[in-house]
Amino acid sequence: MEAIDAWVDQYIEQKKAARYSKPTVIPKWLRPRCGAKTRSGLPCKALAVWGRVNNKPRNGHCRMHGGLSTEPKTEERKRISLRNLVQYQKNIRRKLIKEK
């Protein structure tokens, strides 16, 4: 019986240690806001995009003001993104049809 009690105590201690070793997650109401200037001239009140891995904002902006992705920087990436645009593909098709 004592062996079981010792095992239970050890198990409880491990659970407590695991609980306190996790990084504390900041509640949403305490997280920073985007703050980008909107069309109305007021700062944006949306939450900044939050990184789950490091538990801090990715770049300080919301999803609507550039928080999720950045534009392509190199010429090669710009050409690739332009090629992937549906409108660009439709225009290329129209030009090819007109040439025939």
PDB file of N, CA and C in Angstrom:
ATOM      1  N   MET A   1       0.826  -1.199   0.000  1.00  0.00           N
ATOM      2  CA  MET A   1       0.000   0.000   0.000  1.00  0.00           C
ATOM      3  C   MET A   1       0.864   1.254   0.000  1.00  0.00           C
ATOM      4  N   GLU A   2       2.003   1.186   0.724  1.00  0.00           N
ATOM      5  CA  GLU A   2       2.886   2.342   0.784  1.00  0.00           C
ATOM      6  C   GLU A   2       3.513   2.617  -0.575  1.00  0.00           C
ATOM      7  N   ALA A   3       3.770   1.560  -1.336  1.00  0.00           N
ATOM      8  CA  ALA A   3       4.357   1.729  -2.670  1.00  0.00           C
ATOM      9  C   ALA A   3       3.389   2.481  -3.587  1.00  0.00           C
ATOM     10  N   ILE A   4       2.114   2.165  -3.476  1.00  0.00           N
ATOM     11  CA  ILE A   4       1.099   2.849  -4.287  1.00  0.00           C
ATOM     12  C   ILE A   4       1.000   4.310  -3.875  1.00  0.00           C
ATOM     13  N   ASP A   5       1.017   4.581  -2.578  1.00  0.00           N
ATOM     14  CA  ASP A   5       0.958   5.967  -2.104  1.00  0.00           C
ATOM     15  C   ASP A   5       2.169   6.763  -2.585  1.00  0.00           C
ATOM     16  N   ALA A   6       3.331   6.144  -2.540  1.00  0.00           N
ATOM     17  CA  ALA A   6       4.544   6.817  -3.007  1.00  0.00           C
ATOM     18  C   ALA A   6       4.447   7.095  -4.512  1.00  0.00           C
ATOM     19  N   TRP A   7       3.912   6.133  -5.261  1.00  0.00           N
ATOM     20  CA  TRP A   7       3.762   6.331  -6.701  1.00  0.00           C
ATOM     21  C   TRP A   7       2.779   7.454  -7.000  1.00  0.00           C
ATOM     22  N   VAL A   8       1.671   7.500  -6.256  1.00  0.00           N
ATOM     23  CA  VAL A   8       0.668   8.552  -6.442  1.00  0.00           C
ATOM     24  C   VAL A   8       1.276   9.916  -6.125  1.00  0.00           C
ATOM     25  N   ASP A   9       2.020  10.001  -5.029  1.00  0.00           N
ATOM     26  CA  ASP A   9       2.669  11.265  -4.678  1.00  0.00           C
ATOM     27  C   ASP A   9       3.652  11.705  -5.762  1.00  0.00           C
ATOM     28  N   GLN A  10       4.410  10.762  -6.272  1.00  0.00           N
ATOM     29  CA  GLN A  10       5.366  11.076  -7.326  1.00  0.00           C
ATOM     30  C   GLN A  10       4.640  11.537  -8.594  1.00  0.00           C
ATOM     31  N   TYR A  11       3.543  10.873  -8.913  1.00  0.00           N
ATOM     32  CA  TYR A  11       2.751  11.234 -10.086  1.00  0.00           C
ATOM     33  C   TYR A  11       2.194  12.645  -9.952  1.00  0.00           C
ATOM     34  N   ILE A  12       1.680  12.981  -8.773  1.00  0.00           N
ATOM     35  CA  ILE A  12       1.127  14.316  -8.528  1.00  0.00           C
ATOM     36  C   ILE A  12       2.222  15.378  -8.643  1.00  0.00           C
ATOM     37  N   GLU A  13       3.389  15.113  -8.120  1.00  0.00           N
ATOM     38  CA  GLU A  13       4.500  16.059  -8.216  1.00  0.00           C
ATOM     39  C   GLU A  13       4.922  16.293  -9.667  1.00  0.00           C
ATOM     40  N   GLN A  14       4.927  15.208 -10.466  1.00  0.00           N
ATOM     41  CA  GLN A  14       5.278  15.348 -11.873  1.00  0.00           C
ATOM     42  C   GLN A  14       4.258  16.213 -12.603  1.00  0.00           C
ATOM     43  N   LYS A  15       2.979  16.008 -12.311  1.00  0.00           N
ATOM     44  CA  LYS A  15       1.928  16.797 -12.942  1.00  0.00           C
ATOM     45  C   LYS A  15       2.042  18.275 -12.558  1.00  0.00           C
ATOM     46  N   LYS A  16       2.326  18.540 -11.291  1.00  0.00           N
ATOM     47  CA  LYS A  16       2.495  19.927 -10.843  1.00  0.00           C
ATOM     48  C   LYS A  16       3.678  20.579 -11.542  1.00  0.00           C
ATOM     49  N   ALA A  17       4.789  19.852 -11.650  1.00  0.00           N
ATOM     50  CA  ALA A  17       5.981  20.391 -12.301  1.00  0.00           C
ATOM     51  C   ALA A  17       5.704  20.665 -13.775  1.00  0.00           C
ATOM     52  N   ALA A  18       4.975  19.768 -14.445  1.00  0.00           N
ATOM     53  CA  ALA A  18       4.651  19.965 -15.851  1.00  0.00           C
ATOM     54  C   ALA A  18       3.724  21.157 -16.031  1.00  0.00           C
ATOM     55  N   ARG A  19       2.806  21.346 -15.115  1.00  0.00           N
ATOM     56  CA  ARG A  19       1.858  22.448 -15.199  1.00  0.00           C
ATOM     57  C   ARG A  19       2.576  23.786 -15.079  1.00  0.00           C
ATOM     58  N   TYR A  20       3.532  23.871 -14.199  1.00  0.00           N
ATOM     59  CA  TYR A  20       4.207  25.147 -13.972  1.00  0.00           C
ATOM     60  C   TYR A  20       5.338  25.398 -14.959  1.00  0.00           C
ATOM     61  N   SER A  21       5.778  24.376 -15.689  1.00  0.00           N
ATOM     62  CA  SER A  21       6.852  24.584 -16.648  1.00  0.00           C
ATOM     63  C   SER A  21       6.339  25.114 -17.980  1.00  0.00           C
ATOM     64  N   LYS A  22       5.031  25.025 -18.242  1.00  0.00           N
ATOM     65  CA  LYS A  22       4.463  25.536 -19.485  1.00  0.00           C
ATOM     66  C   LYS A  22       4.548  27.058 -19.492  1.00  0.00           C
ATOM     67  N   PRO A  23       4.797  27.651 -20.670  1.00  0.00           N
ATOM     68  CA  PRO A  23       4.812  29.116 -20.729  1.00  0.00           C
ATOM     69  C   PRO A  23       3.405  29.664 -20.513  1.00  0.00           C
ATOM     70  N   THR A  24       3.315  30.738 -19.797  1.00  0.00           N
ATOM     71  CA  THR A  24       2.008  31.318 -19.545  1.00  0.00           C
ATOM     72  C   THR A  24       1.527  32.019 -20.803  1.00  0.00           C
ATOM     73  N   VAL A  25       0.299  31.768 -21.157  1.00  0.00           N
ATOM     74  CA  VAL A  25      -0.300  32.374 -22.337  1.00  0.00           C
ATOM     75  C   VAL A  25      -0.970  33.677 -21.920  1.00  0.00           C
ATOM     76  N   ILE A  26      -0.666  34.726 -22.641  1.00  0.00           N
ATOM     77  CA  ILE A  26      -1.252  36.031 -22.331  1.00  0.00           C
ATOM     78  C   ILE A  26      -2.692  36.032 -22.816  1.00  0.00           C
ATOM     79  N   PRO A  27      -3.642  36.415 -21.962  1.00  0.00           N
ATOM     80  CA  PRO A  27      -5.038  36.438 -22.407  1.00  0.00           C
ATOM     81  C   PRO A  27      -5.249  37.453 -23.524  1.00  0.00           C
ATOM     82  N   LYS A  28      -6.259  37.204 -24.359  1.00  0.00           N
ATOM     83  CA  LYS A  28      -6.486  38.061 -25.526  1.00  0.00           C
ATOM     84  C   LYS A  28      -6.732  39.514 -25.153  1.00  0.00           C
ATOM     85  N   TRP A  29      -7.388  39.771 -24.060  1.00  0.00           N
ATOM     86  CA  TRP A  29      -7.705  41.157 -23.713  1.00  0.00           C
ATOM     87  C   TRP A  29      -6.471  41.932 -23.279  1.00  0.00           C
ATOM     88  N   LEU A  30      -5.347  41.240 -23.002  1.00  0.00           N
ATOM     89  CA  LEU A  30      -4.100  41.911 -22.643  1.00  0.00           C
ATOM     90  C   LEU A  30      -3.116  42.006 -23.812  1.00  0.00           C
ATOM     91  N   ARG A  31      -3.427  41.351 -24.918  1.00  0.00           N
ATOM     92  CA  ARG A  31      -2.522  41.355 -26.059  1.00  0.00           C
ATOM     93  C   ARG A  31      -2.538  42.707 -26.763  1.00  0.00           C
ATOM     94  N   PRO A  32      -1.441  43.057 -27.434  1.00  0.00           N
ATOM     95  CA  PRO A  32      -1.373  44.365 -28.097  1.00  0.00           C
ATOM     96  C   PRO A  32      -2.309  44.457 -29.295  1.00  0.00           C
ATOM     97  N   ARG A  33      -2.705  45.666 -29.617  1.00  0.00           N
ATOM     98  CA  ARG A  33      -3.569  45.938 -30.762  1.00  0.00           C
ATOM     99  C   ARG A  33      -2.718  46.308 -31.970  1.00  0.00           C
ATOM    100  N   CYS A  34      -3.326  46.274 -33.129  1.00  0.00           N
ATOM    101  CA  CYS A  34      -2.610  46.560 -34.372  1.00  0.00           C
ATOM    102  C   CYS A  34      -2.130  48.011 -34.400  1.00  0.00           C
ATOM    103  N   GLY A  35      -3.033  48.954 -34.265  1.00  0.00           N
ATOM    104  CA  GLY A  35      -2.660  50.357 -34.227  1.00  0.00           C
ATOM    105  C   GLY A  35      -2.415  51.004 -35.567  1.00  0.00           C
ATOM    106  N   ALA A  36      -2.592  50.280 -36.687  1.00  0.00           N
ATOM    107  CA  ALA A  36      -2.390  50.870 -38.014  1.00  0.00           C
ATOM    108  C   ALA A  36      -3.457  51.925 -38.265  1.00  0.00           C
ATOM    109  N   LYS A  37      -3.106  52.937 -39.022  1.00  0.00           N
ATOM    110  CA  LYS A  37      -4.043  54.013 -39.323  1.00  0.00           C
ATOM    111  C   LYS A  37      -5.083  53.506 -40.321  1.00  0.00           C
ATOM    112  N   THR A  38      -6.354  53.618 -39.972  1.00  0.00           N
ATOM    113  CA  THR A  38      -7.429  53.156 -40.839  1.00  0.00           C
ATOM    114  C   THR A  38      -7.888  54.290 -41.742  1.00  0.00           C
ATOM    115  N   ARG A  39      -8.845  54.001 -42.615  1.00  0.00           N
ATOM    116  CA  ARG A  39      -9.346  55.029 -43.534  1.00  0.00           C
ATOM    117  C   ARG A  39     -10.048  56.155 -42.790  1.00  0.00           C
ATOM    118  N   SER A  40     -10.592  55.840 -41.643  1.00  0.00           N
ATOM    119  CA  SER A  40     -11.255  56.871 -40.853  1.00  0.00           C
ATOM    120  C   SER A  40     -10.253  57.734 -40.083  1.00  0.00           C
ATOM    121  N   GLY A  41      -8.993  57.343 -40.101  1.00  0.00           N
ATOM    122  CA  GLY A  41      -7.963  58.107 -39.414  1.00  0.00           C
ATOM    123  C   GLY A  41      -7.682  57.640 -37.996  1.00  0.00           C
ATOM    124  N   LEU A  42      -8.484  56.722 -37.498  1.00  0.00           N
ATOM    125  CA  LEU A  42      -8.304  56.185 -36.144  1.00  0.00           C
ATOM    126  C   LEU A  42      -7.390  54.960 -36.191  1.00  0.00           C
ATOM    127  N   PRO A  43      -6.748  54.637 -35.093  1.00  0.00           N
ATOM    128  CA  PRO A  43      -5.911  53.432 -35.092  1.00  0.00           C
ATOM    129  C   PRO A  43      -6.769  52.165 -35.090  1.00  0.00           C
ATOM    130  N   CYS A  44      -6.283  51.136 -35.742  1.00  0.00           N
ATOM    131  CA  CYS A  44      -6.973  49.853 -35.812  1.00  0.00           C
ATOM    132  C   CYS A  44      -7.014  49.225 -34.419  1.00  0.00           C
ATOM    133  N   LYS A  45      -8.158  48.662 -34.067  1.00  0.00           N
ATOM    134  CA  LYS A  45      -8.338  48.070 -32.738  1.00  0.00           C
ATOM    135  C   LYS A  45      -8.250  46.551 -32.732  1.00  0.00           C
ATOM    136  N   ALA A  46      -7.951  45.962 -33.897  1.00  0.00           N
ATOM    137  CA  ALA A  46      -7.886  44.502 -33.993  1.00  0.00           C
ATOM    138  C   ALA A  46      -6.628  43.982 -33.295  1.00  0.00           C
ATOM    139  N   LEU A  47      -6.686  42.731 -32.871  1.00  0.00           N
ATOM    140  CA  LEU A  47      -5.541  42.102 -32.224  1.00  0.00           C
ATOM    141  C   LEU A  47      -4.423  41.854 -33.220  1.00  0.00           C
ATOM    142  N   ALA A  48      -3.195  42.012 -32.784  1.00  0.00           N
ATOM    143  CA  ALA A  48      -2.053  41.681 -33.623  1.00  0.00           C
ATOM    144  C   ALA A  48      -1.987  40.171 -33.790  1.00  0.00           C
ATOM    145  N   VAL A  49      -1.465  39.725 -34.932  1.00  0.00           N
ATOM    146  CA  VAL A  49      -1.327  38.278 -35.180  1.00  0.00           C
ATOM    147  C   VAL A  49      -0.372  37.715 -34.142  1.00  0.00           C
ATOM    148  N   TRP A  50      -0.798  36.644 -33.488  1.00  0.00           N
ATOM    149  CA  TRP A  50      -0.077  36.102 -32.346  1.00  0.00           C
ATOM    150  C   TRP A  50       0.675  34.843 -32.736  1.00  0.00           C
ATOM    151  N   GLY A  51       1.958  34.774 -32.411  1.00  0.00           N
ATOM    152  CA  GLY A  51       2.751  33.576 -32.658  1.00  0.00           C
ATOM    153  C   GLY A  51       2.560  32.590 -31.526  1.00  0.00           C
ATOM    154  N   ARG A  52       2.119  31.394 -31.850  1.00  0.00           N
ATOM    155  CA  ARG A  52       1.851  30.399 -30.802  1.00  0.00           C
ATOM    156  C   ARG A  52       3.128  29.765 -30.273  1.00  0.00           C
ATOM    157  N   VAL A  53       4.151  29.740 -31.107  1.00  0.00           N
ATOM    158  CA  VAL A  53       5.384  29.075 -30.707  1.00  0.00           C
ATOM    159  C   VAL A  53       6.128  29.884 -29.646  1.00  0.00           C
ATOM    160  N   ASN A  54       6.325  31.172 -29.925  1.00  0.00           N
ATOM    161  CA  ASN A  54       7.092  31.988 -28.983  1.00  0.00           C
ATOM    162  C   ASN A  54       6.223  32.858 -28.085  1.00  0.00           C
ATOM    163  N   ASN A  55       4.911  32.775 -28.222  1.00  0.00           N
ATOM    164  CA  ASN A  55       3.958  33.452 -27.346  1.00  0.00           C
ATOM    165  C   ASN A  55       4.162  34.965 -27.322  1.00  0.00           C
ATOM    166  N   LYS A  56       4.315  35.555 -28.519  1.00  0.00           N
ATOM    167  CA  LYS A  56       4.384  37.011 -28.644  1.00  0.00           C
ATOM    168  C   LYS A  56       3.925  37.390 -30.045  1.00  0.00           C
ATOM    169  N   PRO A  57       3.630  38.675 -30.273  1.00  0.00           N
ATOM    170  CA  PRO A  57       3.133  39.064 -31.595  1.00  0.00           C
ATOM    171  C   PRO A  57       4.171  38.811 -32.686  1.00  0.00           C
ATOM    172  N   ARG A  58       3.685  38.439 -33.866  1.00  0.00           N
ATOM    173  CA  ARG A  58       4.604  38.156 -34.966  1.00  0.00           C
ATOM    174  C   ARG A  58       5.283  39.429 -35.454  1.00  0.00           C
ATOM    175  N   ASN A  59       4.485  40.410 -35.863  1.00  0.00           N
ATOM    176  CA  ASN A  59       5.092  41.660 -36.310  1.00  0.00           C
ATOM    177  C   ASN A  59       4.309  42.886 -35.852  1.00  0.00           C
ATOM    178  N   GLY A  60       3.342  42.693 -35.001  1.00  0.00           N
ATOM    179  CA  GLY A  60       2.622  43.816 -34.420  1.00  0.00           C
ATOM    180  C   GLY A  60       1.416  44.292 -35.193  1.00  0.00           C
ATOM    181  N   HIS A  61       1.090  43.649 -36.320  1.00  0.00           N
ATOM    182  CA  HIS A  61      -0.066  44.074 -37.100  1.00  0.00           C
ATOM    183  C   HIS A  61      -1.113  42.970 -37.148  1.00  0.00           C
ATOM    184  N   CYS A  62      -2.349  43.378 -37.433  1.00  0.00           N
ATOM    185  CA  CYS A  62      -3.445  42.407 -37.526  1.00  0.00           C
ATOM    186  C   CYS A  62      -3.428  41.748 -38.900  1.00  0.00           C
ATOM    187  N   ARG A  63      -4.325  40.821 -39.113  1.00  0.00           N
ATOM    188  CA  ARG A  63      -4.375  40.085 -40.378  1.00  0.00           C
ATOM    189  C   ARG A  63      -4.764  40.980 -41.543  1.00  0.00           C
ATOM    190  N   MET A  64      -5.451  42.079 -41.266  1.00  0.00           N
ATOM    191  CA  MET A  64      -5.890  42.968 -42.344  1.00  0.00           C
ATOM    192  C   MET A  64      -4.840  44.008 -42.716  1.00  0.00           C
ATOM    193  N   HIS A  65      -3.860  44.226 -41.861  1.00  0.00           N
ATOM    194  CA  HIS A  65      -2.848  45.249 -42.114  1.00  0.00           C
ATOM    195  C   HIS A  65      -1.449  44.671 -42.233  1.00  0.00           C
ATOM    196  N   GLY A  66      -1.339  43.449 -42.721  1.00  0.00           N
ATOM    197  CA  GLY A  66      -0.034  42.891 -43.017  1.00  0.00           C
ATOM    198  C   GLY A  66       0.543  41.989 -41.958  1.00  0.00           C
ATOM    199  N   GLY A  67      -0.293  41.419 -41.124  1.00  0.00           N
ATOM    200  CA  GLY A  67       0.231  40.572 -40.072  1.00  0.00           C
ATOM    201  C   GLY A  67       0.470  39.130 -40.470  1.00  0.00           C
ATOM    202  N   LEU A  68      -0.183  38.651 -41.513  1.00  0.00           N
ATOM    203  CA  LEU A  68      -0.055  37.240 -41.845  1.00  0.00           C
ATOM    204  C   LEU A  68       1.046  36.939 -42.851  1.00  0.00           C
ATOM    205  N   SER A  69       1.261  37.811 -43.797  1.00  0.00           N
ATOM    206  CA  SER A  69       2.277  37.508 -44.794  1.00  0.00           C
ATOM    207  C   SER A  69       2.958  38.794 -45.240  1.00  0.00           C
ATOM    208  N   THR A  70       4.086  38.638 -45.874  1.00  0.00           N
ATOM    209  CA  THR A  70       4.784  39.782 -46.445  1.00  0.00           C
ATOM    210  C   THR A  70       4.816  39.615 -47.945  1.00  0.00           C
ATOM    211  N   GLU A  71       4.961  40.700 -48.636  1.00  0.00           N
ATOM    212  CA  GLU A  71       5.009  40.612 -50.090  1.00  0.00           C
ATOM    213  C   GLU A  71       6.338  40.010 -50.522  1.00  0.00           C
ATOM    214  N   PRO A  72       6.388  39.443 -51.731  1.00  0.00           N
ATOM    215  CA  PRO A  72       7.650  38.878 -52.198  1.00  0.00           C
ATOM    216  C   PRO A  72       8.693  39.979 -52.390  1.00  0.00           C
ATOM    217  N   LYS A  73       9.916  39.705 -51.997  1.00  0.00           N
ATOM    218  CA  LYS A  73      10.979  40.711 -52.043  1.00  0.00           C
ATOM    219  C   LYS A  73      11.851  40.602 -53.288  1.00  0.00           C
ATOM    220  N   THR A  74      12.133  39.379 -53.738  1.00  0.00           N
ATOM    221  CA  THR A  74      13.028  39.205 -54.878  1.00  0.00           C
ATOM    222  C   THR A  74      12.234  39.224 -56.177  1.00  0.00           C
ATOM    223  N   GLU A  75      12.934  39.516 -57.275  1.00  0.00           N
ATOM    224  CA  GLU A  75      12.290  39.554 -58.586  1.00  0.00           C
ATOM    225  C   GLU A  75      11.722  38.186 -58.966  1.00  0.00           C
ATOM    226  N   GLU A  76      12.442  37.128 -58.629  1.00  0.00           N
ATOM    227  CA  GLU A  76      11.975  35.786 -58.950  1.00  0.00           C
ATOM    228  C   GLU A  76      10.652  35.480 -58.241  1.00  0.00           C
ATOM    229  N   ARG A  77      10.569  35.803 -56.955  1.00  0.00           N
ATOM    230  CA  ARG A  77       9.338  35.557 -56.190  1.00  0.00           C
ATOM    231  C   ARG A  77       8.197  36.430 -56.688  1.00  0.00           C
ATOM    232  N   LYS A  78       8.507  37.657 -57.124  1.00  0.00           N
ATOM    233  CA  LYS A  78       7.463  38.535 -57.670  1.00  0.00           C
ATOM    234  C   LYS A  78       6.879  37.940 -58.941  1.00  0.00           C
ATOM    235  N   ARG A  79       7.751  37.389 -59.796  1.00  0.00           N
ATOM    236  CA  ARG A  79       7.261  36.756 -61.022  1.00  0.00           C
ATOM    237  C   ARG A  79       6.413  35.531 -60.704  1.00  0.00           C
ATOM    238  N   ILE A  80       6.827  34.756 -59.720  1.00  0.00           N
ATOM    239  CA  ILE A  80       6.072  33.551 -59.342  1.00  0.00           C
ATOM    240  C   ILE A  80       4.693  33.924 -58.811  1.00  0.00           C
ATOM    241  N   SER A  81       4.624  34.932 -57.946  1.00  0.00           N
ATOM    242  CA  SER A  81       3.326  35.330 -57.394  1.00  0.00           C
ATOM    243  C   SER A  81       2.435  35.936 -58.471  1.00  0.00           C
ATOM    244  N   LEU A  82       3.038  36.683 -59.406  1.00  0.00           N
ATOM    245  CA  LEU A  82       2.259  37.248 -60.502  1.00  0.00           C
ATOM    246  C   LEU A  82       1.707  36.143 -61.396  1.00  0.00           C
ATOM    247  N   ARG A  83       2.520  35.120 -61.645  1.00  0.00           N
ATOM    248  CA  ARG A  83       2.086  34.003 -62.467  1.00  0.00           C
ATOM    249  C   ARG A  83       0.919  33.261 -61.820  1.00  0.00           C
ATOM    250  N   ASN A  84       0.894  33.235 -60.481  1.00  0.00           N
ATOM    251  CA  ASN A  84      -0.149  32.499 -59.769  1.00  0.00           C
ATOM    252  C   ASN A  84      -1.470  33.253 -59.678  1.00  0.00           C
ATOM    253  N   LEU A  85      -1.450  34.520 -59.978  1.00  0.00           N
ATOM    254  CA  LEU A  85      -2.693  35.282 -59.915  1.00  0.00           C
ATOM    255  C   LEU A  85      -3.665  34.813 -60.990  1.00  0.00           C
ATOM    256  N   VAL A  86      -4.900  34.648 -60.631  1.00  0.00           N
ATOM    257  CA  VAL A  86      -5.916  34.165 -61.566  1.00  0.00           C
ATOM    258  C   VAL A  86      -6.139  35.192 -62.672  1.00  0.00           C
ATOM    259  N   GLN A  87      -6.184  36.471 -62.327  1.00  0.00           N
ATOM    260  CA  GLN A  87      -6.425  37.501 -63.336  1.00  0.00           C
ATOM    261  C   GLN A  87      -5.295  37.525 -64.367  1.00  0.00           C
ATOM    262  N   TYR A  88      -4.093  37.396 -63.894  1.00  0.00           N
ATOM    263  CA  TYR A  88      -2.946  37.393 -64.797  1.00  0.00           C
ATOM    264  C   TYR A  88      -3.022  36.211 -65.748  1.00  0.00           C
ATOM    265  N   GLN A  89      -3.422  35.059 -65.238  1.00  0.00           N
ATOM    266  CA  GLN A  89      -3.547  33.878 -66.080  1.00  0.00           C
ATOM    267  C   GLN A  89      -4.627  34.069 -67.138  1.00  0.00           C
ATOM    268  N   LYS A  90      -5.734  34.691 -66.755  1.00  0.00           N
ATOM    269  CA  LYS A  90      -6.815  34.941 -67.722  1.00  0.00           C
ATOM    270  C   LYS A  90      -6.358  35.888 -68.821  1.00  0.00           C
ATOM    271  N   ASN A  91      -5.613  36.925 -68.456  1.00  0.00           N
ATOM    272  CA  ASN A  91      -5.114  37.860 -69.465  1.00  0.00           C
ATOM    273  C   ASN A  91      -4.150  37.180 -70.428  1.00  0.00           C
ATOM    274  N   ILE A  92      -3.284  36.337 -69.919  1.00  0.00           N
ATOM    275  CA  ILE A  92      -2.352  35.606 -70.772  1.00  0.00           C
ATOM    276  C   ILE A  92      -3.121  34.718 -71.744  1.00  0.00           C
ATOM    277  N   ARG A  93      -4.160  34.047 -71.263  1.00  0.00           N
ATOM    278  CA  ARG A  93      -4.968  33.181 -72.125  1.00  0.00           C
ATOM    279  C   ARG A  93      -5.641  34.000 -73.225  1.00  0.00           C
ATOM    280  N   ARG A  94      -6.173  35.175 -72.851  1.00  0.00           N
ATOM    281  CA  ARG A  94      -6.830  36.037 -73.843  1.00  0.00           C
ATOM    282  C   ARG A  94      -5.842  36.468 -74.915  1.00  0.00           C
ATOM    283  N   LYS A  95      -4.641  36.832 -74.490  1.00  0.00           N
ATOM    284  CA  LYS A  95      -3.635  37.250 -75.461  1.00  0.00           C
ATOM    285  C   LYS A  95      -3.242  36.113 -76.384  1.00  0.00           C
ATOM    286  N   LEU A  96      -3.130  34.908 -75.826  1.00  0.00           N
ATOM    287  CA  LEU A  96      -2.804  33.762 -76.665  1.00  0.00           C
ATOM    288  C   LEU A  96      -3.902  33.447 -77.665  1.00  0.00           C
ATOM    289  N   ILE A  97      -5.157  33.600 -77.258  1.00  0.00           N
ATOM    290  CA  ILE A  97      -6.285  33.327 -78.147  1.00  0.00           C
ATOM    291  C   ILE A  97      -6.328  34.363 -79.268  1.00  0.00           C
ATOM    292  N   LYS A  98      -6.058  35.636 -78.933  1.00  0.00           N
ATOM    293  CA  LYS A  98      -6.067  36.708 -79.947  1.00  0.00           C
ATOM    294  C   LYS A  98      -4.946  36.507 -80.958  1.00  0.00           C
ATOM    295  N   GLU A  99      -3.811  36.010 -80.529  1.00  0.00           N
ATOM    296  CA  GLU A  99      -2.673  35.802 -81.427  1.00  0.00           C
ATOM    297  C   GLU A  99      -2.946  34.697 -82.442  1.00  0.00           C
ATOM    298  N   LYS A 100      -3.764  33.720 -82.080  1.00  0.00           N
ATOM    299  CA  LYS A 100      -4.067  32.616 -82.983  1.00  0.00           C
ATOM    300  C   LYS A 100      -5.005  33.098 -84.028  1.00  0.00           C
TER     301      LYS A 100
END
